[in-house]
N, C-alpha and C. Protein backbone atom coordinates (compact mmCIF):
# COMPACT_ATOMS: atom_id res chain seq x y z
N MET A 1 104.38 58.88 83.46
CA MET A 1 102.98 59.15 83.22
C MET A 1 102.53 60.43 83.92
N ILE A 2 102.79 60.57 85.19
CA ILE A 2 102.42 61.76 85.95
C ILE A 2 103.19 62.97 85.42
N GLU A 3 104.46 62.78 85.14
CA GLU A 3 105.28 63.89 84.61
C GLU A 3 104.74 64.38 83.27
N GLU A 4 104.35 63.45 82.44
CA GLU A 4 103.81 63.82 81.13
C GLU A 4 102.50 64.60 81.28
N THR A 5 101.65 64.15 82.17
CA THR A 5 100.38 64.83 82.41
C THR A 5 100.62 66.24 82.94
N LEU A 6 101.56 66.37 83.88
CA LEU A 6 101.89 67.68 84.43
C LEU A 6 102.49 68.58 83.37
N ARG A 7 103.32 68.03 82.53
CA ARG A 7 103.93 68.80 81.45
C ARG A 7 102.85 69.31 80.47
N GLU A 8 101.90 68.45 80.15
CA GLU A 8 100.81 68.85 79.26
C GLU A 8 99.96 69.96 79.89
N GLN A 9 99.69 69.82 81.19
CA GLN A 9 98.93 70.85 81.89
C GLN A 9 99.68 72.18 81.90
N LEU A 10 100.97 72.10 82.13
CA LEU A 10 101.80 73.30 82.13
C LEU A 10 101.80 73.96 80.76
N GLU A 11 101.93 73.18 79.71
CA GLU A 11 101.91 73.72 78.36
C GLU A 11 100.56 74.36 78.04
N GLU A 12 99.50 73.74 78.49
CA GLU A 12 98.17 74.30 78.28
C GLU A 12 98.02 75.63 79.02
N LYS A 13 98.50 75.68 80.24
CA LYS A 13 98.45 76.93 81.02
C LYS A 13 99.27 78.02 80.33
N GLU A 14 100.42 77.68 79.82
CA GLU A 14 101.27 78.65 79.13
C GLU A 14 100.58 79.14 77.85
N ARG A 15 99.94 78.25 77.14
CA ARG A 15 99.21 78.62 75.92
C ARG A 15 98.08 79.60 76.26
N ILE A 16 97.36 79.29 77.31
CA ILE A 16 96.26 80.16 77.74
C ILE A 16 96.80 81.53 78.16
N GLN A 17 97.92 81.52 78.86
CA GLN A 17 98.53 82.77 79.30
C GLN A 17 98.91 83.65 78.10
N VAL A 18 99.50 83.04 77.09
CA VAL A 18 99.88 83.79 75.89
C VAL A 18 98.64 84.36 75.20
N GLU A 19 97.60 83.57 75.10
CA GLU A 19 96.35 84.04 74.49
C GLU A 19 95.77 85.22 75.27
N LEU A 20 95.78 85.12 76.59
CA LEU A 20 95.25 86.20 77.42
C LEU A 20 96.11 87.47 77.30
N GLU A 21 97.41 87.30 77.25
CA GLU A 21 98.29 88.46 77.09
C GLU A 21 98.03 89.15 75.74
N ASN A 22 97.82 88.35 74.70
CA ASN A 22 97.51 88.91 73.39
C ASN A 22 96.17 89.65 73.42
N GLU A 23 95.22 89.09 74.10
CA GLU A 23 93.91 89.74 74.20
C GLU A 23 94.03 91.05 74.97
N ILE A 24 94.81 91.07 76.03
CA ILE A 24 95.02 92.28 76.81
C ILE A 24 95.65 93.37 75.93
N MET A 25 96.66 93.00 75.17
CA MET A 25 97.31 93.97 74.29
C MET A 25 96.33 94.50 73.25
N SER A 26 95.54 93.63 72.70
CA SER A 26 94.54 94.04 71.71
C SER A 26 93.54 95.01 72.32
N LEU A 27 93.07 94.70 73.50
CA LEU A 27 92.10 95.57 74.18
C LEU A 27 92.72 96.91 74.54
N ARG A 28 93.98 96.91 74.93
CA ARG A 28 94.65 98.18 75.24
C ARG A 28 94.75 99.05 74.00
N ARG A 29 95.09 98.46 72.87
CA ARG A 29 95.17 99.24 71.62
C ARG A 29 93.80 99.78 71.24
N LYS A 30 92.78 98.96 71.40
CA LYS A 30 91.42 99.40 71.09
C LYS A 30 91.00 100.54 72.01
N LEU A 31 91.32 100.42 73.28
CA LEU A 31 90.98 101.47 74.24
C LEU A 31 91.70 102.77 73.90
N GLN A 32 92.96 102.69 73.50
CA GLN A 32 93.71 103.88 73.12
C GLN A 32 93.06 104.54 71.91
N ARG A 33 92.66 103.75 70.93
CA ARG A 33 92.00 104.30 69.75
C ARG A 33 90.69 104.99 70.14
N GLU A 34 89.93 104.37 71.05
CA GLU A 34 88.67 104.95 71.50
C GLU A 34 88.93 106.26 72.24
N ASP A 35 89.97 106.30 73.08
CA ASP A 35 90.31 107.52 73.81
C ASP A 35 90.68 108.63 72.84
N VAL A 36 91.46 108.30 71.82
CA VAL A 36 91.85 109.29 70.82
C VAL A 36 90.62 109.79 70.09
N LYS A 37 89.74 108.88 69.73
CA LYS A 37 88.51 109.26 69.01
C LYS A 37 87.63 110.15 69.89
N GLN A 38 87.48 109.81 71.15
CA GLN A 38 86.65 110.61 72.05
C GLN A 38 87.25 112.01 72.23
N ASN A 39 88.58 112.08 72.40
CA ASN A 39 89.23 113.38 72.54
C ASN A 39 89.05 114.21 71.28
N PHE A 40 89.18 113.58 70.12
CA PHE A 40 89.00 114.28 68.87
C PHE A 40 87.57 114.80 68.75
N ASP A 41 86.60 113.95 69.07
CA ASP A 41 85.19 114.35 69.00
C ASP A 41 84.91 115.51 69.95
N LYS A 42 85.47 115.44 71.15
CA LYS A 42 85.26 116.50 72.14
C LYS A 42 85.86 117.82 71.65
N ARG A 43 87.06 117.77 71.14
CA ARG A 43 87.72 118.98 70.64
C ARG A 43 87.02 119.54 69.41
N THR A 44 86.53 118.65 68.56
CA THR A 44 85.79 119.09 67.38
C THR A 44 84.51 119.81 67.80
N LYS A 45 83.83 119.28 68.78
CA LYS A 45 82.60 119.90 69.27
C LYS A 45 82.89 121.29 69.84
N ILE A 46 83.96 121.42 70.63
CA ILE A 46 84.33 122.71 71.19
C ILE A 46 84.68 123.70 70.08
N LEU A 47 85.46 123.26 69.11
CA LEU A 47 85.82 124.12 67.99
C LEU A 47 84.58 124.57 67.22
N ASN A 48 83.67 123.67 66.98
CA ASN A 48 82.43 124.03 66.28
C ASN A 48 81.61 125.03 67.07
N GLN A 49 81.60 124.91 68.40
CA GLN A 49 80.88 125.88 69.23
C GLN A 49 81.53 127.26 69.12
N ILE A 50 82.85 127.29 69.14
CA ILE A 50 83.57 128.56 69.02
C ILE A 50 83.28 129.20 67.66
N ILE A 51 83.37 128.42 66.62
CA ILE A 51 83.14 128.94 65.27
C ILE A 51 81.71 129.44 65.11
N SER A 52 80.75 128.71 65.64
CA SER A 52 79.34 129.11 65.48
C SER A 52 79.01 130.34 66.31
N SER A 53 79.77 130.64 67.35
CA SER A 53 79.46 131.79 68.19
C SER A 53 80.15 133.07 67.72
N GLN A 54 80.97 132.99 66.69
CA GLN A 54 81.66 134.18 66.20
C GLN A 54 80.71 135.07 65.42
N ILE A 55 81.00 136.36 65.48
CA ILE A 55 80.20 137.35 64.76
C ILE A 55 80.83 137.54 63.38
N PRO A 56 80.03 137.60 62.34
CA PRO A 56 80.58 137.81 61.00
C PRO A 56 81.37 139.12 60.91
N ILE A 57 82.37 139.16 60.05
CA ILE A 57 83.25 140.32 59.91
C ILE A 57 82.46 141.57 59.52
N HIS A 58 81.49 141.45 58.66
CA HIS A 58 80.75 142.58 58.12
C HIS A 58 79.62 143.06 59.03
N ASP A 59 79.42 142.40 60.18
CA ASP A 59 78.37 142.81 61.11
C ASP A 59 78.89 143.97 61.96
N LYS A 60 78.42 145.20 61.69
CA LYS A 60 78.89 146.39 62.39
C LYS A 60 77.88 146.87 63.41
N SER A 61 76.93 146.04 63.79
CA SER A 61 75.85 146.47 64.69
C SER A 61 76.34 146.80 66.09
N GLU A 62 77.43 146.26 66.53
CA GLU A 62 77.95 146.50 67.87
C GLU A 62 78.85 147.74 67.93
N ILE A 63 79.22 148.30 66.82
CA ILE A 63 80.15 149.43 66.78
C ILE A 63 79.39 150.74 67.00
N GLY A 64 79.92 151.59 67.88
CA GLY A 64 79.53 152.97 68.05
C GLY A 64 78.24 153.22 68.66
């Protein structure tokens, strides 16, 4: 009786552990995707700033 109860408790703990490990892996993947998205957004913003600050090719006002 006691052994069976302990075995059930152990199985429940193992089940919970597996669920938590799965949740951790899921959250890590989500965090990686968010990091990639943030890096992409940051780089896109920088690129857009560079592009918007360029002088048009036909603008000769600075020459001579």
